[in-house]
N, C-alpha and C. Protein backbone atom coordinates (compact mmCIF):
# COMPACT_ATOMS: atom_id res chain seq x y z
N MET A 1 4.87 161.62 10.16
CA MET A 1 5.00 162.15 11.39
C MET A 1 4.75 163.51 11.46
N THR A 2 5.22 164.37 10.31
CA THR A 2 4.85 165.88 10.29
C THR A 2 3.26 166.10 10.53
N ALA A 3 2.26 165.05 9.67
CA ALA A 3 0.95 165.07 9.84
C ALA A 3 0.49 165.03 11.22
N LEU A 4 1.03 164.01 12.03
CA LEU A 4 0.73 163.78 13.16
C LEU A 4 0.99 165.11 14.14
N ILE A 5 2.22 165.71 14.03
CA ILE A 5 2.40 166.71 14.82
C ILE A 5 1.53 167.61 14.56
N THR A 6 1.30 168.02 13.03
CA THR A 6 0.27 169.12 12.69
C THR A 6 -1.14 168.85 13.38
N ALA A 7 -1.57 167.63 13.19
CA ALA A 7 -2.99 167.53 13.53
C ALA A 7 -3.13 167.60 15.14
N ARG A 8 -2.38 167.63 15.80
CA ARG A 8 -2.30 167.76 17.13
C ARG A 8 -1.93 169.03 17.69
N GLY A 9 -1.78 169.93 16.56
CA GLY A 9 -1.54 171.57 17.11
C GLY A 9 -0.14 171.71 17.50
N LEU A 10 0.86 170.91 17.27
CA LEU A 10 2.10 171.19 17.73
C LEU A 10 3.23 171.62 16.81
N ALA A 11 2.92 171.88 15.84
CA ALA A 11 3.69 172.19 14.81
C ALA A 11 4.86 173.47 15.11
N ASP A 12 4.14 174.31 16.13
CA ASP A 12 5.05 175.50 16.41
C ASP A 12 5.70 175.21 17.73
N ARG A 13 5.86 173.80 18.21
CA ARG A 13 6.62 173.65 19.30
C ARG A 13 7.45 172.54 19.21
N VAL A 14 7.22 171.71 17.99
CA VAL A 14 8.35 170.56 17.53
C VAL A 14 8.84 170.84 16.41
N ALA A 15 10.18 170.73 16.34
CA ALA A 15 10.99 170.68 15.31
C ALA A 15 11.38 169.33 14.86
N THR A 16 11.29 168.82 13.52
CA THR A 16 11.61 167.73 12.93
C THR A 16 12.67 167.55 11.91
N GLY A 17 13.28 166.44 11.88
CA GLY A 17 14.62 166.40 10.94
C GLY A 17 14.94 165.10 11.03
N GLY A 18 15.97 164.60 10.15
CA GLY A 18 16.37 163.32 10.01
C GLY A 18 16.04 162.83 8.33
N GLU A 19 16.11 161.55 8.14
CA GLU A 19 16.06 160.79 6.91
C GLU A 19 14.59 160.10 6.98
N PRO A 20 13.89 159.82 5.91
CA PRO A 20 12.75 159.31 5.81
C PRO A 20 12.85 157.68 6.17
N LEU A 21 11.84 157.17 6.71
CA LEU A 21 11.94 155.64 7.49
C LEU A 21 10.87 154.96 6.77
N THR A 22 10.91 153.69 6.69
CA THR A 22 10.09 152.91 6.34
C THR A 22 10.23 151.74 7.07
N LEU A 23 9.17 151.58 8.25
CA LEU A 23 9.42 150.62 9.31
C LEU A 23 8.28 149.57 9.24
N THR A 24 8.59 148.20 9.65
CA THR A 24 7.75 147.24 9.30
C THR A 24 7.19 146.93 10.63
N THR A 25 5.88 147.60 10.76
CA THR A 25 5.00 147.59 11.80
C THR A 25 3.63 148.06 11.29
N ASP A 26 2.82 147.96 12.38
CA ASP A 26 1.27 148.53 12.03
C ASP A 26 1.46 150.07 12.12
N PRO A 27 1.08 150.75 11.27
CA PRO A 27 1.11 152.11 11.14
C PRO A 27 0.36 152.97 12.12
N ARG A 28 -0.91 152.15 12.63
CA ARG A 28 -1.49 152.71 13.84
C ARG A 28 -0.84 152.69 15.25
N ARG A 29 0.04 151.76 15.24
CA ARG A 29 0.71 151.25 16.54
C ARG A 29 1.81 152.42 16.39
N VAL A 30 2.50 152.68 15.45
CA VAL A 30 3.53 153.61 15.21
C VAL A 30 2.72 155.31 15.67
N GLU A 31 1.89 155.45 15.08
CA GLU A 31 1.30 156.73 15.47
C GLU A 31 0.83 156.94 16.98
N ARG A 32 0.33 155.77 17.50
CA ARG A 32 0.07 155.93 19.05
C ARG A 32 1.36 156.02 19.77
N MET A 33 2.34 155.61 19.44
CA MET A 33 3.63 155.43 20.11
C MET A 33 4.12 156.83 20.10
N LEU A 34 4.23 157.19 18.89
CA LEU A 34 4.61 158.67 18.65
C LEU A 34 3.96 159.81 19.28
N ALA A 35 2.66 159.60 19.17
CA ALA A 35 1.84 160.69 19.93
C ALA A 35 1.93 160.86 21.58
N ASN A 36 2.43 159.34 22.07
CA ASN A 36 2.56 159.37 23.40
C ASN A 36 3.94 159.94 23.82
N LEU A 37 4.96 159.78 22.89
CA LEU A 37 6.32 160.11 23.12
C LEU A 37 6.48 161.68 22.79
N ILE A 38 5.83 162.08 21.93
CA ILE A 38 5.61 163.62 21.47
C ILE A 38 5.01 164.39 22.68
N GLY A 39 3.89 163.89 22.55
CA GLY A 39 3.05 164.39 23.53
C GLY A 39 3.57 164.75 25.04
N ASN A 40 4.25 163.69 25.38
CA ASN A 40 4.75 163.69 26.84
C ASN A 40 6.01 164.86 26.59
N ALA A 41 6.73 164.86 25.70
CA ALA A 41 7.78 165.74 25.64
C ALA A 41 7.26 167.28 25.77
N VAL A 42 6.22 167.54 24.77
CA VAL A 42 5.63 168.81 24.80
C VAL A 42 4.89 169.01 26.22
N GLU A 43 4.13 168.16 26.71
CA GLU A 43 3.39 168.21 28.26
C GLU A 43 4.66 168.79 29.14
N HIS A 44 5.72 167.88 29.26
CA HIS A 44 6.69 168.05 30.31
C HIS A 44 7.93 169.08 30.29
N SER A 45 7.72 169.51 28.94
CA SER A 45 8.69 170.52 28.29
C SER A 45 8.21 172.08 28.13
N GLY A 46 7.23 171.71 27.07
CA GLY A 46 6.44 172.91 26.70
C GLY A 46 7.16 173.64 25.61
N ARG A 47 8.42 173.19 25.26
CA ARG A 47 9.30 173.96 24.60
C ARG A 47 10.30 172.98 24.06
N ASP A 48 10.93 173.54 22.97
CA ASP A 48 12.38 172.92 22.51
C ASP A 48 12.13 171.47 22.25
N VAL A 49 10.97 170.99 21.69
CA VAL A 49 11.13 169.58 21.55
C VAL A 49 11.58 169.15 20.02
N ARG A 50 12.54 168.32 19.93
CA ARG A 50 13.01 167.98 18.63
C ARG A 50 12.83 166.43 18.32
N VAL A 51 12.36 166.38 17.32
CA VAL A 51 11.98 164.92 16.74
C VAL A 51 12.84 164.38 15.56
N ARG A 52 13.74 163.52 15.44
CA ARG A 52 14.87 163.18 14.59
C ARG A 52 14.73 161.82 14.06
N THR A 53 14.76 161.41 12.90
CA THR A 53 14.65 160.03 12.33
C THR A 53 16.10 159.61 11.84
N GLY A 54 16.43 158.31 11.68
CA GLY A 54 17.36 157.88 11.50
C GLY A 54 17.31 156.21 11.32
N THR A 55 18.51 155.72 10.78
CA THR A 55 18.69 154.34 10.75
C THR A 55 19.84 153.78 11.33
N GLY A 56 20.19 152.64 11.97
CA GLY A 56 21.32 151.75 12.35
C GLY A 56 21.10 150.42 12.61
N GLY A 57 21.93 149.97 11.34
CA GLY A 57 21.56 148.43 11.09
C GLY A 57 20.39 148.10 10.59
N ALA A 58 19.71 147.39 10.98
CA ALA A 58 18.19 146.74 10.43
C ALA A 58 17.07 147.50 11.25
N HIS A 59 17.55 148.37 12.03
CA HIS A 59 16.50 149.11 12.40
C HIS A 59 16.55 150.63 12.17
N GLY A 60 15.40 151.21 12.53
CA GLY A 60 15.19 152.65 12.20
C GLY A 60 14.71 153.34 13.62
N TYR A 61 14.87 154.40 13.95
CA TYR A 61 14.86 155.12 14.91
C TYR A 61 14.06 156.25 14.71
N VAL A 62 13.34 156.60 15.95
CA VAL A 62 12.74 158.18 16.12
C VAL A 62 13.33 158.58 17.49
N GLU A 63 14.01 159.75 17.40
CA GLU A 63 14.55 160.14 18.51
C GLU A 63 13.54 161.53 19.00
N VAL A 64 13.04 161.72 20.38
CA VAL A 64 12.32 162.38 20.74
C VAL A 64 12.94 163.25 21.77
N ALA A 65 13.57 164.54 21.70
CA ALA A 65 14.28 165.21 22.76
C ALA A 65 13.56 166.28 23.28
N ASP A 66 13.82 166.55 24.56
CA ASP A 66 13.11 168.03 25.05
C ASP A 66 14.21 168.57 25.87
N ALA A 67 13.88 170.03 26.18
CA ALA A 67 14.70 170.63 27.01
C ALA A 67 14.07 171.05 28.19
N GLY A 68 13.12 170.05 28.59
CA GLY A 68 12.41 170.32 29.96
C GLY A 68 13.22 169.75 31.30
N PRO A 69 12.46 169.72 32.32
CA PRO A 69 13.20 169.49 33.60
C PRO A 69 13.84 168.27 33.62
N GLY A 70 13.73 167.06 32.73
CA GLY A 70 14.61 165.94 32.73
C GLY A 70 14.04 164.91 33.68
N ILE A 71 14.61 163.84 33.92
CA ILE A 71 14.35 162.79 34.66
C ILE A 71 15.34 162.52 35.58
N SER A 72 15.09 162.50 36.84
CA SER A 72 16.11 162.43 37.72
C SER A 72 16.79 160.81 37.78
N PRO A 73 17.97 160.70 37.98
CA PRO A 73 18.66 159.35 37.90
C PRO A 73 17.77 158.25 38.73
N GLU A 74 17.26 158.46 39.78
CA GLU A 74 16.49 157.38 40.64
C GLU A 74 15.46 157.08 39.90
N HIS A 75 14.71 157.89 38.84
CA HIS A 75 13.26 157.31 38.07
C HIS A 75 13.74 156.84 36.82
N LEU A 76 14.99 157.14 36.20
CA LEU A 76 15.18 156.63 34.87
C LEU A 76 14.83 154.87 34.70
N PRO A 77 15.36 154.02 35.63
CA PRO A 77 15.28 152.68 35.25
C PRO A 77 13.88 152.53 35.43
N HIS A 78 12.85 153.23 35.94
CA HIS A 78 11.40 153.01 36.18
C HIS A 78 10.50 153.54 35.12
N VAL A 79 10.99 154.58 34.44
CA VAL A 79 9.75 155.30 33.66
C VAL A 79 9.40 154.78 32.74
N LEU A 80 9.84 153.47 32.19
CA LEU A 80 9.07 152.79 31.38
C LEU A 80 7.81 151.86 32.01
N GLU A 81 7.80 151.78 33.14
CA GLU A 81 7.08 150.86 33.67
C GLU A 81 5.91 151.14 34.11
N ARG A 82 4.87 150.28 34.28
CA ARG A 82 3.48 150.77 34.54
C ARG A 82 3.16 151.64 35.74
N PHE A 83 2.45 152.83 35.62
CA PHE A 83 2.28 153.42 36.72
C PHE A 83 3.18 154.18 37.56
N CYS A 84 4.33 154.32 36.54
CA CYS A 84 5.26 155.08 36.91
C CYS A 84 5.06 156.84 36.76
N LYS A 85 5.19 157.69 37.57
CA LYS A 85 5.14 159.13 37.32
C LYS A 85 6.27 159.55 38.09
N ALA A 86 7.10 160.13 37.22
CA ALA A 86 8.21 160.70 37.81
C ALA A 86 8.24 161.90 38.69
N ASP A 87 8.65 162.45 39.36
CA ASP A 87 8.55 163.59 40.13
C ASP A 87 7.90 164.65 38.98
N SER A 88 8.36 165.12 38.14
CA SER A 88 8.46 166.38 37.39
C SER A 88 6.85 165.95 36.68
N ALA A 89 6.40 165.00 36.78
CA ALA A 89 5.29 164.72 35.91
C ALA A 89 4.00 164.17 36.92
N ARG A 90 4.20 164.19 38.26
CA ARG A 90 2.94 163.94 39.33
C ARG A 90 2.09 164.94 39.19
N ALA A 91 2.27 166.06 38.80
CA ALA A 91 1.04 167.13 38.80
C ALA A 91 0.16 166.77 37.72
N GLY A 92 0.54 166.26 36.74
CA GLY A 92 -0.34 165.93 35.49
C GLY A 92 -1.62 164.89 35.55
N ALA A 93 -2.31 164.90 34.74
CA ALA A 93 -3.56 163.98 34.86
C ALA A 93 -3.35 162.65 34.66
N GLY A 94 -2.18 162.22 33.90
CA GLY A 94 -1.91 161.00 33.25
C GLY A 94 -1.89 159.86 34.60
N SER A 95 -2.23 158.56 33.97
CA SER A 95 -1.91 157.32 34.82
C SER A 95 -0.87 156.83 35.18
N GLY A 96 0.22 157.29 34.35
CA GLY A 96 1.44 156.49 34.50
C GLY A 96 1.53 155.08 33.62
N LEU A 97 0.35 155.02 32.55
CA LEU A 97 0.54 154.04 31.88
C LEU A 97 1.06 154.20 30.18
N GLY A 98 1.00 155.27 29.71
CA GLY A 98 1.35 155.46 28.21
C GLY A 98 2.68 155.16 27.99
N LEU A 99 3.78 155.43 28.76
CA LEU A 99 5.06 154.96 28.34
C LEU A 99 5.13 153.43 28.59
N ALA A 100 4.31 152.81 29.24
CA ALA A 100 4.55 151.19 29.65
C ALA A 100 3.74 150.51 28.24
N ILE A 101 2.56 151.27 27.93
CA ILE A 101 1.93 150.55 26.87
C ILE A 101 2.70 151.00 25.42
N ALA A 102 3.17 151.94 25.24
CA ALA A 102 4.30 152.31 24.08
C ALA A 102 5.17 151.27 23.81
N LEU A 103 5.71 150.94 25.23
CA LEU A 103 7.09 149.98 25.04
C LEU A 103 6.58 148.57 24.86
N GLU A 104 5.39 148.06 25.28
CA GLU A 104 4.75 146.86 24.70
C GLU A 104 4.54 146.93 23.32
N ASN A 105 4.12 148.12 22.73
CA ASN A 105 3.83 148.10 21.39
C ASN A 105 4.97 147.87 20.63
N ALA A 106 5.81 148.50 20.99
CA ALA A 106 7.18 148.61 20.25
C ALA A 106 8.06 147.31 20.37
N ARG A 107 7.70 146.69 21.41
CA ARG A 107 8.19 145.27 21.31
C ARG A 107 7.51 144.21 20.89
N LEU A 108 6.34 144.26 20.28
CA LEU A 108 5.65 143.31 19.33
C LEU A 108 6.34 143.06 18.20
N PRO A 109 6.88 144.18 17.14
CA PRO A 109 7.69 143.86 16.03
C PRO A 109 8.95 143.63 16.18
N ASP A 110 9.56 143.48 17.43
CA ASP A 110 10.94 143.25 17.85
C ASP A 110 11.48 144.83 17.85
N GLY A 111 10.91 145.62 18.40
CA GLY A 111 11.64 147.05 18.90
C GLY A 111 11.68 147.26 20.05
N ASN A 112 11.98 148.58 20.62
CA ASN A 112 12.34 148.88 21.91
C ASN A 112 12.31 150.29 22.00
N ILE A 113 11.91 150.63 23.19
CA ILE A 113 12.14 152.25 23.51
C ILE A 113 13.14 152.38 24.48
N ARG A 114 14.05 153.17 24.53
CA ARG A 114 15.26 153.62 25.41
C ARG A 114 14.96 155.06 25.80
N VAL A 115 15.42 155.33 26.92
CA VAL A 115 15.39 156.90 27.70
C VAL A 115 16.68 156.96 28.48
N THR A 116 17.06 158.38 27.90
CA THR A 116 18.12 159.11 28.97
C THR A 116 17.52 160.30 29.21
N GLY A 117 18.19 160.91 30.35
CA GLY A 117 17.64 162.12 31.04
C GLY A 117 18.67 162.68 31.94
N ASP A 118 18.45 163.89 32.00
CA ASP A 118 19.44 164.76 32.78
C ASP A 118 18.81 165.97 33.37
N VAL A 119 18.72 165.74 34.64
CA VAL A 119 17.88 167.01 35.41
C VAL A 119 18.53 168.20 34.96
N GLN A 120 17.87 169.44 34.57
CA GLN A 120 18.25 170.37 34.22
C GLN A 120 18.68 170.47 32.54
N ARG A 121 18.74 169.31 32.05
CA ARG A 121 19.10 169.55 30.41
C ARG A 121 18.05 168.81 29.57
N GLY A 122 17.05 168.11 30.16
CA GLY A 122 15.61 167.45 29.42
C GLY A 122 15.86 166.10 29.25
N SER A 123 15.29 165.32 28.51
CA SER A 123 15.09 163.83 28.28
C SER A 123 15.08 163.80 26.93
N VAL A 124 15.53 162.29 26.65
CA VAL A 124 15.58 161.95 25.03
C VAL A 124 15.06 160.30 25.15
N PHE A 125 14.00 160.36 24.26
CA PHE A 125 13.49 158.74 24.23
C PHE A 125 13.60 158.48 22.72
N TRP A 126 14.14 157.36 22.65
CA TRP A 126 14.27 156.47 21.22
C TRP A 126 13.29 155.52 21.02
N LEU A 127 12.41 155.44 19.97
CA LEU A 127 11.54 154.55 19.51
C LEU A 127 12.41 153.90 18.31
N VAL A 128 12.87 152.53 18.59
CA VAL A 128 13.69 151.72 17.64
C VAL A 128 12.74 150.67 17.20
N LEU A 129 12.64 150.58 15.84
CA LEU A 129 11.77 149.44 15.23
C LEU A 129 12.47 148.98 14.13
N PRO A 130 12.16 147.68 13.58
CA PRO A 130 12.87 147.20 12.50
C PRO A 130 12.56 148.03 11.06
N LEU A 131 13.61 148.25 10.20
CA LEU A 131 13.41 148.77 8.92
C LEU A 131 12.39 147.91 8.05
N GLY A 132 11.58 148.48 7.21
CA GLY A 132 10.46 147.87 6.34
C GLY A 132 11.17 147.24 5.42
N SER A 133 10.09 145.90 5.04
CA SER A 133 10.52 144.99 3.71
C SER A 133 9.31 144.77 3.15
N ALA A 134 8.31 144.17 3.90
CA ALA A 134 7.04 143.64 3.51
C ALA A 134 6.14 143.59 4.67
N GLY A 135 4.97 143.24 4.35
CA GLY A 135 3.86 143.32 5.39
C GLY A 135 3.60 144.82 5.53
N ASP A 136 3.02 144.94 7.03
CA ASP A 136 2.49 146.06 7.39
C ASP A 136 3.67 146.89 7.53
N VAL A 137 3.47 148.49 6.97
CA VAL A 137 4.65 149.19 7.22
C VAL A 137 4.21 150.66 7.43
N SER A 138 4.89 151.25 8.16
CA SER A 138 4.97 152.76 8.45
C SER A 138 5.90 153.60 7.65
N GLU A 139 5.39 154.63 7.14
CA GLU A 139 6.28 155.46 6.51
C GLU A 139 6.37 156.83 7.25
N LEU A 140 7.57 157.33 7.76
CA LEU A 140 7.68 158.37 8.31
C LEU A 140 8.84 159.26 7.80
């Protein structure tokens, strides 16, 4: 994950922490999902992005939190849907597909993406995926 952040020139805007993870999934999918979540956090926040890894039961998670404008309560239930662009994102050039595609990729190996947000306090996205055992794995 640190390599992804550094390769995208975001090391000065993204703090990382947590425990190392081995997830059962295609490493390229994980990279695309994380690039989307971290890129969105930096784009909409510009600062104070925190990425933390951890485990819970049979799953690992990557938490991406920012201190940006947040997501209003009426947009939260829809932010992972195709073509959704919450008010704070409408000025951007994106199509509103990135989070929906990331969610589809997360669900393939029995994972998920969850989101919470609070206007004035920022947003938090959790990418949750099965912990690694065999097959394709991604080391974070």
